[in-house]
Amino acid sequence: MEKINLEIFKSVILGLIQGLTEFFPVSSSGHLVIFPYFFNWNEPSIFFAVTLHLATLIALLTVLYRDAWRIIRIFFAGIFIKKYRTDSNFKLALYIILAIIPAAAAGYLFNDLIESLFSKPIFAAFFLIITALILILFEFIGKKNEHRFMEKTGSLKKINWASALVVGIGQAVAILPGISRSGVTISSARIFGIKREEAVRFSFLISIPVILGSFVFEMAKGLKNPGISANNDINAIIGVIIGFIAAYLSGLFAVKFLLRFSAKRNLNIFAIYCVLISAIFFIVYFIRK
């Protein structure tokens, strides 16, 4: 019974971490490396990781399914019917495709290197500091560019080919543990002067195919090594269900909260959080040494 309670506790914590940090600009990969280090937990099974990714994907689609469906519908209509190609949603679909190409290429080319970094929490802690610097510096530049563009044109800057490509490159860099995918993609859009709310929404939209791709990739690995055996399948199944619920609910909260929060405030508070978590890690790391 004590073992089951521990597994439930671990599943809840890891599910909450995945759901919140997948969308908050604080790096889910970094947290899922650092927090097990804090508690001396074993790395979660591939099957469990797949489940958490599925939960966060469903949470995101729960909020943005209308946007996603409209973009998909207009995109496929535009392939066959010329008049739809001038629609803003058709162009947005093309920008999303462009933005996900660098991350897909980086994941394919550097998969072994990235997996080796995930086994070393100190790298995740270091990259969290990089995430904090990106959030603060890019927001400072972005705010100036936003005001400059507004004064010059009287309108708001929109996502275009150049900004979509830079956001995509940022997303590719974010495969490193501790580099926040949402943080880098939002910040990369901000440096062009794109309004913060639009940058956040674009970041969420491009994360749908990225999370889906990660889910499929991990599912393929999970079929070979699901991490559930005859001796622990009940505990594992309970943990998977609990983790899924925790990740879905926390992910749902994170998406809704960040969409509202970004309309009024910058994301520097998350940069401060990244620095604090990194500092705590280094304190624990040197104490244990």
Protein backbone atom coordinates (compact mmCIF):
# COMPACT_ATOMS: atom_id res chain seq x y z
CA MET A 1 0.00 0.00 0.00
CA GLU A 2 2.85 2.38 0.86
CA LYS A 3 4.44 1.69 -2.53
CA ILE A 4 1.18 2.41 -4.34
CA ASN A 5 0.77 5.70 -2.44
CA LEU A 6 4.32 6.71 -3.39
CA GLU A 7 3.66 5.89 -7.05
CA ILE A 8 0.44 7.94 -6.98
CA PHE A 9 2.29 10.86 -5.38
CA LYS A 10 5.06 10.69 -8.01
CA SER A 11 2.51 10.47 -10.81
CA VAL A 12 0.59 13.50 -9.53
CA ILE A 13 3.77 15.59 -9.15
CA LEU A 14 5.16 14.63 -12.57
CA GLY A 15 1.76 15.14 -14.20
CA LEU A 16 1.38 18.59 -12.67
CA ILE A 17 4.92 19.53 -13.68
CA GLN A 18 4.41 18.36 -17.26
CA GLY A 19 1.05 20.12 -17.66
CA LEU A 20 2.19 23.44 -16.22
CA THR A 21 5.68 23.62 -17.66
CA GLU A 22 4.73 22.43 -21.15
CA PHE A 23 3.02 25.78 -21.68
CA PHE A 24 4.54 28.10 -19.08
CA PRO A 25 7.89 29.45 -20.37
CA VAL A 26 9.96 27.50 -17.83
CA SER A 27 10.89 24.29 -19.76
CA SER A 28 8.99 21.06 -19.16
CA SER A 29 12.03 18.98 -20.19
CA GLY A 30 14.22 20.79 -17.69
CA HIS A 31 11.75 20.24 -14.86
CA LEU A 32 11.29 16.55 -15.67
CA VAL A 33 15.07 16.17 -15.40
CA ILE A 34 15.66 18.34 -12.32
CA PHE A 35 12.73 17.35 -10.08
CA PRO A 36 13.43 13.59 -10.16
CA TYR A 37 17.01 14.55 -9.24
CA PHE A 38 15.75 16.49 -6.22
CA PHE A 39 13.74 13.49 -4.96
CA ASN A 40 16.13 10.76 -6.14
CA TRP A 41 13.40 9.26 -8.32
CA ASN A 42 14.06 6.94 -11.21
CA GLU A 43 13.42 8.24 -14.71
CA PRO A 44 9.72 7.68 -15.60
CA SER A 45 8.91 4.97 -18.14
CA ILE A 46 8.47 5.82 -21.81
CA PHE A 47 4.83 4.72 -21.56
CA PHE A 48 4.25 7.21 -18.74
CA ALA A 49 5.98 10.01 -20.67
CA VAL A 50 3.81 9.25 -23.72
CA THR A 51 0.68 9.51 -21.61
CA LEU A 52 1.67 12.90 -20.21
CA HIS A 53 2.33 14.23 -23.72
CA LEU A 54 -1.07 13.01 -24.85
CA ALA A 55 -2.72 14.73 -21.87
CA THR A 56 -1.08 18.07 -22.62
CA LEU A 57 -2.01 17.79 -26.30
CA ILE A 58 -5.66 17.19 -25.41
CA ALA A 59 -5.57 20.08 -22.94
CA LEU A 60 -4.25 22.42 -25.63
CA LEU A 61 -6.84 21.27 -28.17
CA THR A 62 -9.58 21.73 -25.57
CA VAL A 63 -8.81 25.46 -25.60
CA LEU A 64 -7.73 25.99 -29.20
CA TYR A 65 -9.71 23.38 -31.14
CA ARG A 66 -11.75 26.06 -32.96
CA ASP A 67 -8.60 27.85 -34.11
CA ALA A 68 -6.91 24.60 -35.08
CA TRP A 69 -9.93 23.29 -37.01
CA ARG A 70 -10.39 26.59 -38.84
CA ILE A 71 -6.72 26.69 -39.89
CA ILE A 72 -6.77 23.05 -41.05
CA ARG A 73 -10.03 23.50 -42.96
CA ILE A 74 -8.91 26.66 -44.75
CA PHE A 75 -5.49 25.22 -45.52
CA PHE A 76 -6.84 22.12 -47.26
CA ALA A 77 -9.50 24.18 -49.01
CA GLY A 78 -6.75 26.51 -50.23
CA ILE A 79 -4.79 23.65 -51.75
CA PHE A 80 -7.62 23.03 -54.21
CA ILE A 81 -9.46 26.38 -54.36
CA LYS A 82 -7.46 29.49 -55.21
CA LYS A 83 -9.64 32.04 -53.44
CA TYR A 84 -8.86 30.55 -50.03
CA ARG A 85 -5.12 31.15 -50.52
CA THR A 86 -5.50 34.81 -49.63
CA ASP A 87 -7.24 33.95 -46.36
CA SER A 88 -5.22 34.82 -43.24
CA ASN A 89 -5.76 31.30 -41.89
CA PHE A 90 -4.21 29.75 -45.02
CA LYS A 91 -1.14 31.96 -44.59
CA LEU A 92 -1.04 31.12 -40.89
CA ALA A 93 -1.03 27.41 -41.75
CA LEU A 94 1.99 27.97 -44.01
CA TYR A 95 3.76 29.90 -41.25
CA ILE A 96 3.07 27.04 -38.81
CA ILE A 97 4.49 24.50 -41.25
CA LEU A 98 7.60 26.64 -41.74
CA ALA A 99 8.03 27.04 -37.98
CA ILE A 100 7.94 23.30 -37.22
CA ILE A 101 10.47 22.25 -39.89
CA PRO A 102 13.64 23.32 -37.96
CA ALA A 103 12.54 21.49 -34.79
CA ALA A 104 11.73 18.31 -36.73
CA ALA A 105 15.10 18.43 -38.46
CA ALA A 106 16.99 19.11 -35.22
CA GLY A 107 15.19 16.30 -33.41
CA TYR A 108 16.03 13.84 -36.20
CA LEU A 109 19.68 14.88 -36.59
CA PHE A 110 20.64 15.35 -32.94
CA ASN A 111 18.41 12.85 -31.13
CA ASP A 112 21.29 10.86 -29.58
CA LEU A 113 23.05 14.01 -28.33
CA ILE A 114 19.84 15.37 -26.81
CA GLU A 115 19.09 12.09 -25.04
CA SER A 116 22.56 12.12 -23.49
CA LEU A 117 21.97 15.63 -22.12
CA PHE A 118 18.74 14.48 -20.48
CA SER A 119 20.76 12.17 -18.25
CA LYS A 120 22.71 15.16 -16.84
CA PRO A 121 20.53 17.51 -14.76
CA ILE A 122 23.32 20.09 -14.48
CA PHE A 123 22.86 20.93 -18.17
CA ALA A 124 19.14 21.49 -17.65
CA ALA A 125 19.86 23.86 -14.73
CA PHE A 126 22.36 25.81 -16.83
CA PHE A 127 19.96 26.09 -19.78
CA LEU A 128 17.21 27.35 -17.46
CA ILE A 129 19.37 30.42 -16.85
CA ILE A 130 19.68 30.85 -20.63
CA THR A 131 15.88 30.67 -20.86
CA ALA A 132 15.59 33.43 -18.24
CA LEU A 133 18.00 35.67 -20.15
CA ILE A 134 16.09 35.11 -23.40
CA LEU A 135 12.77 35.99 -21.77
CA ILE A 136 14.06 39.25 -20.32
CA LEU A 137 16.28 40.42 -23.19
CA PHE A 138 13.90 39.55 -26.04
CA GLU A 139 10.96 41.15 -24.23
CA PHE A 140 12.98 44.36 -23.82
CA ILE A 141 13.84 44.40 -27.53
CA GLY A 142 10.34 43.34 -28.56
CA LYS A 143 8.61 46.08 -26.59
CA LYS A 144 10.74 48.72 -28.28
CA ASN A 145 10.14 47.25 -31.74
CA GLU A 146 6.40 46.97 -31.08
CA HIS A 147 6.16 50.68 -30.19
CA ARG A 148 8.39 51.68 -33.10
CA PHE A 149 6.29 49.73 -35.62
CA MET A 150 3.07 51.10 -34.13
CA GLU A 151 4.30 54.68 -34.41
CA LYS A 152 5.49 54.15 -37.97
CA THR A 153 2.48 52.30 -39.43
CA GLY A 154 -0.35 52.83 -36.94
CA SER A 155 -1.02 49.07 -36.94
CA LEU A 156 0.16 45.97 -35.10
CA LYS A 157 2.94 43.77 -36.45
CA LYS A 158 1.75 40.35 -37.67
CA ILE A 159 3.48 36.99 -38.09
CA ASN A 160 5.23 36.76 -41.48
CA TRP A 161 7.71 34.47 -43.22
CA ALA A 162 10.77 35.92 -41.49
CA SER A 163 9.32 35.82 -37.97
CA ALA A 164 7.89 32.31 -38.51
CA LEU A 165 11.31 31.04 -39.57
CA VAL A 166 13.08 32.63 -36.59
CA VAL A 167 10.43 31.21 -34.24
CA GLY A 168 11.02 27.81 -35.85
CA ILE A 169 14.77 28.07 -35.29
CA GLY A 170 14.06 29.01 -31.68
CA GLN A 171 11.85 25.96 -31.34
CA ALA A 172 14.68 23.80 -32.69
CA VAL A 173 17.04 25.17 -30.02
CA ALA A 174 14.40 24.35 -27.39
CA ILE A 175 14.94 20.60 -27.82
CA LEU A 176 17.76 21.12 -25.30
CA PRO A 177 16.61 20.29 -21.73
CA GLY A 178 16.11 23.52 -19.81
CA ILE A 179 15.49 25.68 -22.87
CA SER A 180 11.78 26.47 -22.75
CA ARG A 181 10.00 25.80 -26.04
CA SER A 182 7.17 28.20 -25.27
CA GLY A 183 9.57 30.76 -23.83
CA VAL A 184 11.88 30.80 -26.83
CA THR A 185 9.10 30.75 -29.44
CA ILE A 186 7.14 33.55 -27.73
CA SER A 187 10.31 35.60 -27.27
CA SER A 188 11.47 34.99 -30.85
CA ALA A 189 8.19 36.42 -32.13
CA ARG A 190 8.41 39.34 -29.70
CA ILE A 191 11.75 40.61 -31.05
CA PHE A 192 9.93 41.42 -34.31
CA GLY A 193 7.54 43.63 -32.39
CA ILE A 194 4.67 41.16 -32.55
CA LYS A 195 2.13 41.75 -29.79
CA ARG A 196 2.63 39.45 -26.83
CA GLU A 197 -0.83 37.84 -26.99
CA GLU A 198 -0.39 36.97 -30.67
CA ALA A 199 3.09 35.59 -29.98
CA VAL A 200 1.67 33.36 -27.23
CA ARG A 201 -1.16 32.10 -29.45
CA PHE A 202 1.22 31.37 -32.34
CA SER A 203 3.52 29.53 -29.93
CA PHE A 204 0.60 27.39 -28.78
CA LEU A 205 -0.56 26.68 -32.33
CA ILE A 206 2.86 25.50 -33.51
CA SER A 207 3.16 23.35 -30.40
CA ILE A 208 0.18 21.22 -31.49
CA PRO A 209 2.06 19.40 -34.29
CA VAL A 210 5.25 19.38 -32.20
CA ILE A 211 3.58 17.71 -29.20
CA LEU A 212 1.77 15.34 -31.58
CA GLY A 213 5.07 14.43 -33.22
CA SER A 214 6.70 13.87 -29.84
CA PHE A 215 3.77 11.69 -28.80
CA VAL A 216 4.04 9.52 -31.93
CA PHE A 217 7.84 9.25 -31.58
CA GLU A 218 7.67 8.24 -27.93
CA MET A 219 4.79 5.87 -28.63
CA ALA A 220 6.97 4.09 -31.19
CA LYS A 221 9.71 3.68 -28.56
CA GLY A 222 7.14 2.73 -25.95
CA LEU A 223 5.92 -0.21 -28.02
CA LYS A 224 9.40 -1.71 -27.67
CA ASN A 225 9.78 -0.87 -23.97
CA PRO A 226 6.47 0.16 -22.38
CA GLY A 227 7.79 0.03 -18.83
CA ILE A 228 4.92 -2.13 -17.51
CA SER A 229 5.63 -5.67 -16.36
CA ALA A 230 3.57 -8.44 -14.82
CA ASN A 231 4.88 -7.52 -11.37
CA ASN A 232 4.00 -3.85 -11.40
CA ASP A 233 1.30 -3.37 -14.02
CA ILE A 234 -1.40 -2.39 -11.48
CA ASN A 235 0.80 0.27 -9.90
CA ALA A 236 1.90 1.48 -13.32
CA ILE A 237 -1.63 1.66 -14.70
CA ILE A 238 -2.85 3.59 -11.64
CA GLY A 239 0.11 5.92 -11.99
CA VAL A 240 -0.55 6.46 -15.70
CA ILE A 241 -4.21 7.32 -15.11
CA ILE A 242 -3.43 9.69 -12.24
CA GLY A 243 -0.59 11.29 -14.17
CA PHE A 244 -2.80 11.78 -17.22
CA ILE A 245 -5.51 13.53 -15.19
CA ALA A 246 -2.98 15.75 -13.41
CA ALA A 247 -1.24 16.70 -16.67
CA TYR A 248 -4.51 17.42 -18.46
CA LEU A 249 -5.96 19.63 -15.71
CA SER A 250 -2.73 21.52 -15.07
CA GLY A 251 -2.15 21.91 -18.81
CA LEU A 252 -5.65 23.26 -19.27
CA PHE A 253 -5.06 25.78 -16.49
CA ALA A 254 -1.64 26.79 -17.90
CA VAL A 255 -2.95 27.48 -21.42
CA LYS A 256 -5.91 29.56 -20.23
CA PHE A 257 -3.85 31.40 -17.63
CA LEU A 258 -1.01 32.33 -20.00
CA LEU A 259 -3.40 33.59 -22.69
CA ARG A 260 -4.99 35.93 -20.13
CA PHE A 261 -1.78 36.82 -18.31
CA SER A 262 0.16 37.74 -21.46
CA ALA A 263 -2.50 40.25 -22.49
CA LYS A 264 -1.63 42.42 -19.49
CA ARG A 265 1.88 41.59 -18.32
CA ASN A 266 5.28 40.52 -19.64
CA LEU A 267 6.76 37.11 -18.84
CA ASN A 268 9.68 38.29 -16.70
CA ILE A 269 8.17 36.65 -13.61
CA PHE A 270 8.82 33.29 -15.27
CA ALA A 271 12.43 34.32 -15.91
CA ILE A 272 12.87 34.96 -12.17
CA TYR A 273 11.37 31.55 -11.46
CA CYS A 274 13.82 29.85 -13.86
CA VAL A 275 16.77 31.48 -12.09
CA LEU A 276 15.45 30.43 -8.65
CA ILE A 277 14.96 26.79 -9.68
CA SER A 278 18.41 26.73 -11.24
CA ALA A 279 19.95 28.26 -8.09
CA ILE A 280 18.22 25.68 -5.88
CA PHE A 281 19.52 22.90 -8.11
CA PHE A 282 23.11 24.09 -7.90
CA ILE A 283 22.86 24.41 -4.10
CA VAL A 284 21.54 20.82 -3.82
CA TYR A 285 24.09 19.60 -6.37
CA PHE A 286 27.10 21.00 -4.50
CA ILE A 287 25.77 19.85 -1.13
CA ARG A 288 25.49 16.30 -2.45
CA LYS A 289 28.98 16.49 -3.93
